[in-house]
Every structure is written in structure tokens, then in C-alpha cells.
Protein backbone atom coordinates (compact mmCIF):
# COMPACT_ATOMS: atom_id res chain seq x y z
CA UNK A 1 0.00 0.00 0.00
CA UNK A 2 1.35 3.43 -0.94
CA UNK A 3 1.73 5.86 1.91
CA UNK A 4 0.32 9.34 2.20
CA UNK A 5 2.43 11.80 0.24
CA UNK A 6 3.88 9.14 -2.10
CA UNK A 7 2.88 8.86 -5.77
CA UNK A 8 0.31 6.13 -6.30
CA UNK A 9 1.42 4.01 -9.24
CA UNK A 10 -1.51 2.93 -11.34
CA UNK A 11 -1.94 1.96 -14.97
CA UNK A 12 -3.28 4.34 -17.54
CA UNK A 13 -7.04 4.44 -17.20
CA UNK A 14 -9.59 4.68 -19.95
CA UNK A 15 -10.63 7.98 -21.46
CA UNK A 16 -14.26 6.95 -21.10
CA UNK A 17 -13.73 6.32 -17.37
CA UNK A 18 -12.70 9.95 -16.90
CA UNK A 19 -15.77 11.19 -18.75
CA UNK A 20 -17.83 8.89 -16.57
CA UNK A 21 -16.51 10.44 -13.36
CA UNK A 22 -17.57 13.89 -14.59
CA UNK A 23 -21.06 12.57 -15.30
CA UNK A 24 -21.16 10.91 -11.86
CA UNK A 25 -20.21 14.23 -10.27
CA UNK A 26 -23.02 15.99 -12.11
CA UNK A 27 -25.38 13.24 -11.01
CA UNK A 28 -24.30 13.59 -7.38
CA UNK A 29 -25.09 17.32 -7.45
CA UNK A 30 -28.37 16.76 -9.29
CA UNK A 31 -29.53 14.51 -6.45
CA UNK A 32 -28.49 17.13 -3.87
CA UNK A 33 -29.72 20.52 -5.14
CA UNK A 34 -28.82 22.21 -1.85
CA UNK A 35 -25.15 21.35 -2.30
CA UNK A 36 -25.32 22.27 -5.98
CA UNK A 37 -26.62 25.74 -5.11
CA UNK A 38 -23.97 26.01 -2.40
CA UNK A 39 -21.28 25.27 -4.99
CA UNK A 40 -22.70 27.81 -7.43
CA UNK A 41 -21.85 30.79 -5.20
CA UNK A 42 -18.10 31.09 -5.94
CA UNK A 43 -18.65 30.13 -9.59
CA UNK A 44 -21.15 32.99 -9.98
CA UNK A 45 -18.73 35.45 -8.34
CA UNK A 46 -15.92 34.37 -10.68
CA UNK A 47 -18.27 34.48 -13.67
CA UNK A 48 -19.25 38.09 -12.97
CA UNK A 49 -15.59 39.08 -12.63
CA UNK A 50 -14.71 37.42 -15.93
CA UNK A 51 -17.66 38.97 -17.76
CA UNK A 52 -16.63 42.43 -16.58
CA UNK A 53 -13.01 41.78 -17.61
CA UNK A 54 -14.01 40.46 -21.06
CA UNK A 55 -16.36 43.40 -21.68
CA UNK A 56 -13.51 45.76 -20.81
CA UNK A 57 -11.17 43.83 -23.13
CA UNK A 58 -13.68 43.89 -25.99
CA UNK A 59 -14.22 47.64 -25.53
CA UNK A 60 -10.51 48.45 -25.43
CA UNK A 61 -9.07 45.82 -27.77
CA UNK A 62 -8.71 48.38 -30.56
CA UNK A 63 -6.75 50.80 -28.37
CA UNK A 64 -4.55 47.97 -27.10
CA UNK A 65 -3.90 46.87 -30.70
CA UNK A 66 -2.89 50.42 -31.65
CA UNK A 67 -0.61 50.68 -28.61
CA UNK A 68 1.28 47.46 -29.38
CA UNK A 69 1.60 48.17 -33.15
CA UNK A 70 3.12 51.68 -33.41
CA UNK A 71 5.11 50.45 -36.40
CA UNK A 72 1.86 50.35 -38.41
CA UNK A 73 1.06 54.07 -38.03
CA UNK A 74 2.04 54.80 -41.64
CA UNK A 75 0.44 51.75 -43.19
CA UNK A 76 -2.46 52.43 -45.54
CA UNK A 77 -4.30 49.36 -44.27
CA UNK A 78 -3.47 49.88 -40.60
CA UNK A 79 -7.19 50.03 -39.71
CA UNK A 80 -7.86 46.51 -41.00
CA UNK A 81 -4.60 45.23 -39.54
CA UNK A 82 -5.34 46.63 -36.09
CA UNK A 83 -8.92 45.35 -36.23
CA UNK A 84 -7.59 41.84 -36.84
CA UNK A 85 -5.05 42.25 -34.02
CA UNK A 86 -7.85 43.49 -31.72
CA UNK A 87 -9.96 40.43 -32.55
CA UNK A 88 -6.95 38.21 -31.91
CA UNK A 89 -6.36 39.90 -28.53
CA UNK A 90 -9.96 39.25 -27.51
CA UNK A 91 -9.84 35.62 -28.69
CA UNK A 92 -6.66 35.04 -26.67
CA UNK A 93 -8.29 36.68 -23.65
CA UNK A 94 -11.36 34.48 -24.05
CA UNK A 95 -9.19 31.36 -24.29
CA UNK A 96 -7.23 32.30 -21.18
CA UNK A 97 -10.48 32.97 -19.33
CA UNK A 98 -11.63 29.41 -20.04
CA UNK A 99 -8.29 27.97 -18.94
CA UNK A 100 -8.01 30.07 -15.77
CA UNK A 101 -11.68 30.07 -14.74
CA UNK A 102 -11.36 26.88 -12.73
CA UNK A 103 -8.24 28.03 -10.86
CA UNK A 104 -9.76 31.42 -10.00
CA UNK A 105 -13.09 29.88 -8.96
CA UNK A 106 -11.35 27.33 -6.73
CA UNK A 107 -9.26 30.10 -5.13
CA UNK A 108 -12.37 32.22 -4.49
CA UNK A 109 -14.42 29.27 -3.33
CA UNK A 110 -11.81 27.34 -1.33
CA UNK A 111 -14.02 26.94 1.79
CA UNK A 112 -17.12 26.20 -0.34
CA UNK A 113 -15.54 23.50 -2.47
CA UNK A 114 -13.61 22.04 0.46
CA UNK A 115 -16.94 21.41 2.22
CA UNK A 116 -18.56 20.08 -0.95
CA UNK A 117 -15.63 17.73 -1.58
CA UNK A 118 -15.73 16.51 2.02
CA UNK A 119 -19.46 15.82 1.72
CA UNK A 120 -18.83 13.68 -1.36
CA UNK A 121 -16.23 11.70 0.58
CA UNK A 122 -18.59 11.29 3.56
CA UNK A 123 -21.26 9.84 1.30
CA UNK A 124 -18.86 7.11 0.23
CA UNK A 125 -17.23 6.30 3.56
CA UNK A 126 -14.22 7.49 5.53
CA UNK A 127 -12.79 10.98 4.90
CA UNK A 128 -8.99 11.13 4.75
CA UNK A 129 -7.63 13.99 6.82
CA UNK A 130 -4.63 16.27 6.42
CA UNK A 131 -6.07 19.29 8.18
CA UNK A 132 -4.38 22.62 7.53
CA UNK A 133 -5.35 26.09 8.75
CA UNK A 134 -7.55 27.82 6.18
CA UNK A 135 -4.99 30.52 5.40
CA UNK A 136 -2.24 27.96 4.74
CA UNK A 137 -4.55 25.91 2.54
CA UNK A 138 -5.55 29.02 0.59
CA UNK A 139 -1.94 30.13 0.16
CA UNK A 140 -0.90 26.70 -1.10
CA UNK A 141 -3.87 26.61 -3.48
CA UNK A 142 -3.00 30.00 -4.98
CA UNK A 143 0.69 29.08 -5.27
CA UNK A 144 -0.07 25.78 -6.99
CA UNK A 145 -2.59 27.44 -9.32
CA UNK A 146 0.03 29.99 -10.40
CA UNK A 147 2.52 27.20 -11.07
CA UNK A 148 -0.10 25.34 -13.08
CA UNK A 149 -0.81 28.50 -15.09
CA UNK A 150 2.90 28.72 -15.96
CA UNK A 151 2.79 25.15 -17.28
CA UNK A 152 -0.39 25.91 -19.23
CA UNK A 153 1.23 28.93 -20.91
CA UNK A 154 4.30 26.86 -21.80
CA UNK A 155 2.03 24.65 -23.89
CA UNK A 156 -0.65 27.07 -25.09
CA UNK A 157 1.67 29.80 -26.45
CA UNK A 158 3.38 27.42 -28.94
CA UNK A 159 -0.01 25.94 -29.84
CA UNK A 160 -1.37 29.44 -30.41
CA UNK A 161 1.47 30.18 -32.83
CA UNK A 162 0.98 26.84 -34.60
CA UNK A 163 -2.68 27.77 -35.00
CA UNK A 164 -1.69 30.07 -37.86
CA UNK A 165 -0.15 27.20 -39.84
CA UNK A 166 -2.52 26.14 -42.65
CA UNK A 167 -4.31 22.80 -42.20
CA UNK A 168 -2.43 21.89 -39.00
CA UNK A 169 -3.76 24.99 -37.23
CA UNK A 170 -7.34 24.09 -38.09
CA UNK A 171 -7.18 20.34 -37.38
CA UNK A 172 -4.43 19.07 -35.10
CA UNK A 173 -3.88 22.18 -32.97
CA UNK A 174 -7.48 22.44 -31.64
CA UNK A 175 -7.35 18.78 -30.59
CA UNK A 176 -3.99 19.22 -28.85
CA UNK A 177 -5.31 22.40 -27.23
CA UNK A 178 -8.32 20.55 -25.82
CA UNK A 179 -6.10 17.75 -24.48
CA UNK A 180 -3.64 20.15 -22.82
CA UNK A 181 -6.39 22.31 -21.35
CA UNK A 182 -8.29 19.24 -20.20
CA UNK A 183 -5.30 17.74 -18.43
CA UNK A 184 -4.59 20.93 -16.50
CA UNK A 185 -8.26 21.35 -15.60
CA UNK A 186 -8.00 17.90 -14.02
CA UNK A 187 -4.86 19.00 -12.18
CA UNK A 188 -6.76 21.94 -10.67
CA UNK A 189 -9.97 20.09 -9.84
CA UNK A 190 -8.33 17.06 -8.20
CA UNK A 191 -6.10 19.26 -6.01
CA UNK A 192 -8.62 19.53 -3.14
CA UNK A 193 -9.09 15.79 -2.67
CA UNK A 194 -5.40 15.03 -3.18
CA UNK A 195 -4.29 17.71 -0.73
CA UNK A 196 -6.66 16.15 1.81
CA UNK A 197 -4.52 13.03 1.41
CA UNK A 198 -1.30 14.95 2.04
CA UNK A 199 -0.19 14.81 -1.61
CA UNK A 200 1.86 17.76 -2.82
CA UNK A 201 2.03 19.14 -6.36
CA UNK A 202 4.86 16.85 -7.52
CA UNK A 203 3.04 13.75 -6.26
CA UNK A 204 -0.27 14.86 -7.79
CA UNK A 205 1.33 15.30 -11.22
CA UNK A 206 2.93 11.87 -10.96
CA UNK A 207 -0.41 10.24 -10.17
CA UNK A 208 -2.17 11.98 -13.05
CA UNK A 209 0.61 11.13 -15.50
CA UNK A 210 0.22 7.48 -14.52
CA UNK A 211 -3.52 7.76 -15.18
CA UNK A 212 -3.44 9.85 -18.36
CA UNK A 213 -6.52 8.27 -19.88
CA UNK A 214 -8.78 9.05 -16.94
CA UNK A 215 -7.21 12.48 -16.43
CA UNK A 216 -7.69 13.44 -20.07
CA UNK A 217 -11.21 12.03 -20.34
CA UNK A 218 -12.32 13.90 -17.23
CA UNK A 219 -10.65 17.18 -18.18
CA UNK A 220 -11.57 17.24 -21.86
CA UNK A 221 -15.23 16.58 -21.04
CA UNK A 222 -15.16 19.56 -18.66
CA UNK A 223 -13.25 21.74 -21.13
CA UNK A 224 -15.82 21.12 -23.86
CA UNK A 225 -18.65 21.72 -21.40
CA UNK A 226 -17.11 25.01 -20.29
CA UNK A 227 -17.14 26.22 -23.92
CA UNK A 228 -20.94 26.36 -23.72
CA UNK A 229 -22.16 29.77 -22.49
CA UNK A 230 -22.95 29.73 -18.73
CA UNK A 231 -22.16 25.99 -18.53
CA UNK A 232 -18.98 26.63 -16.54
CA UNK A 233 -21.02 28.13 -13.70
CA UNK A 234 -23.68 25.42 -13.72
CA UNK A 235 -21.26 22.50 -14.03
CA UNK A 236 -18.55 23.66 -11.62
CA UNK A 237 -20.00 21.97 -8.49
CA UNK A 238 -20.39 18.74 -10.46
CA UNK A 239 -16.81 19.02 -11.68
CA UNK A 240 -15.56 19.30 -8.09
CA UNK A 241 -17.72 16.35 -7.00
CA UNK A 242 -16.58 14.26 -9.97
CA UNK A 243 -12.93 15.05 -9.29
CA UNK A 244 -13.34 13.95 -5.68
CA UNK A 245 -14.91 10.68 -6.81
CA UNK A 246 -12.14 10.05 -9.33
CA UNK A 247 -9.43 10.67 -6.73
CA UNK A 248 -11.17 8.40 -4.24
CA UNK A 249 -12.11 5.54 -6.56
CA UNK A 250 -9.56 5.63 -9.36
CA UNK A 251 -6.45 7.63 -8.48
CA UNK A 252 -5.68 7.08 -4.77
CA UNK A 253 -7.89 4.34 -3.31
CA UNK A 254 -4.98 3.02 -1.20
CA UNK A 255 -5.01 6.22 0.88
CA UNK A 256 -8.39 5.37 2.39
CA UNK A 257 -8.67 4.06 5.91
CA UNK A 258 -10.07 0.50 5.84
């Protein structure tokens, strides 16, 4: 049996299994509307913040484009060029909002989702415990989210550039983008349940790498769901519940007390 804080070595799970855990999380919340509404609070707060930020970006994208392209001041077609750059700036901002929404919502809703995750564990038996003061848990969550964002940018920036390559940019790149975004969504969402088991960032990554199929299936399903307007808010509690179930049943079952 692997000890707390050690990577749990498991074979690569099935993509469909990961999707299934997301659906089970949604089902758990659907059967408990009180907890679903409880989990909506931080998601709604984050959603409002992102809407305000995106409206500001859309309103000022043209000015930002002009500011970053002073070399085009003398171009006869600078208006069209800067319009395209402004659209690109907004698209990039929209993409980053999808990628970072989960991390920001979890940071805002740390006490909410901690309680929701614990309730899921209680419904299925013993709750592992690695109790930390709230402020330390919040600090570690923010720190890990920032590190995850760095990893995300390391992948998404090259993919963004490749997106301009004909054929590849319209076929392979979107698929790779969904896989990368999905994996890191899983990293964020499973953090609560794994931290409860005393697993730090390095150990969590090792576990997810050893279960790539499940991690990708779970995260890609959530990523595609979050592309639907307002779905990120509605599905967020289910995503947290599903992540807790996946950690408990699939990723780290040996950490449970018999």
C-alpha cells in the first residue's frame, strides 16, 4: 500500500472512465440541489468578474492593438490590420479565461468546495484527513494554481502560434489544445481531494501522468462543457464532485482508511 504523500502508481485508465466520473459528479449534485446551489456561489462570483473583464477587453481591444503596433502608423491598411489584431487579442483573452476560470473559482471558493468535496467523501465512507489552517490551505492553493498556469502557458503559447499554420492549425492544434487544457483542468480540480490526502504538487502530477486516460477524459469533457455559455457556472459543483470521486475511486484508493 502506498503511503500518504507518495505517488500512487496505477496503470493508464480509460478515457471513457474519466468522462464517466464527470457525469457521476453531475449526477451527485443533481440529487443534492442544496449542495449544488452552495457550490454555485463562488462560480457565480468568478463568472461576474470574468464577464466584466471580457467586456472591458472587448471595448478596449482596438486601443490595445494600436498601442502594441506603433510600427503600423504609416500603413495604408493599418485600420484593417489593427482590427484583426484586436480580434486576436480578444480571442486570446477568451481562451485564457476558459483555462483560468477553474483556478480562480477554486481560489475564491476554497471553503465552499472544500466542504462540498468533504461531503462527497462522507457519502462514500471514511474521509482522509490532512487538516491545515484555512490561510495555509488558501496560500498553497493559490501558489499551486500559479505554477499550473505557468505550465499551461508553456504549452498554449506554442499551440497558439501553430494555430496560424494552414491545415495543421485548423485540425491538429485544436485537438492538442483541448487535451492540454483538459489535463490541467483535471490537475486543478483534483487538487482539493489530493491535498486532503497529504499529496503535494509533484506527487499529484505523478499520479495523473500514470492515469493519463482518466485524467484526459475527465478534463476534456469539462473543457468542452465550459465552452458552452454559462455551462462553466452550472457544471462547476459537479466538476468538483466528480474530481473527488475520481481521486477516491480511481487515483488514490490506497489512501483510504479500511
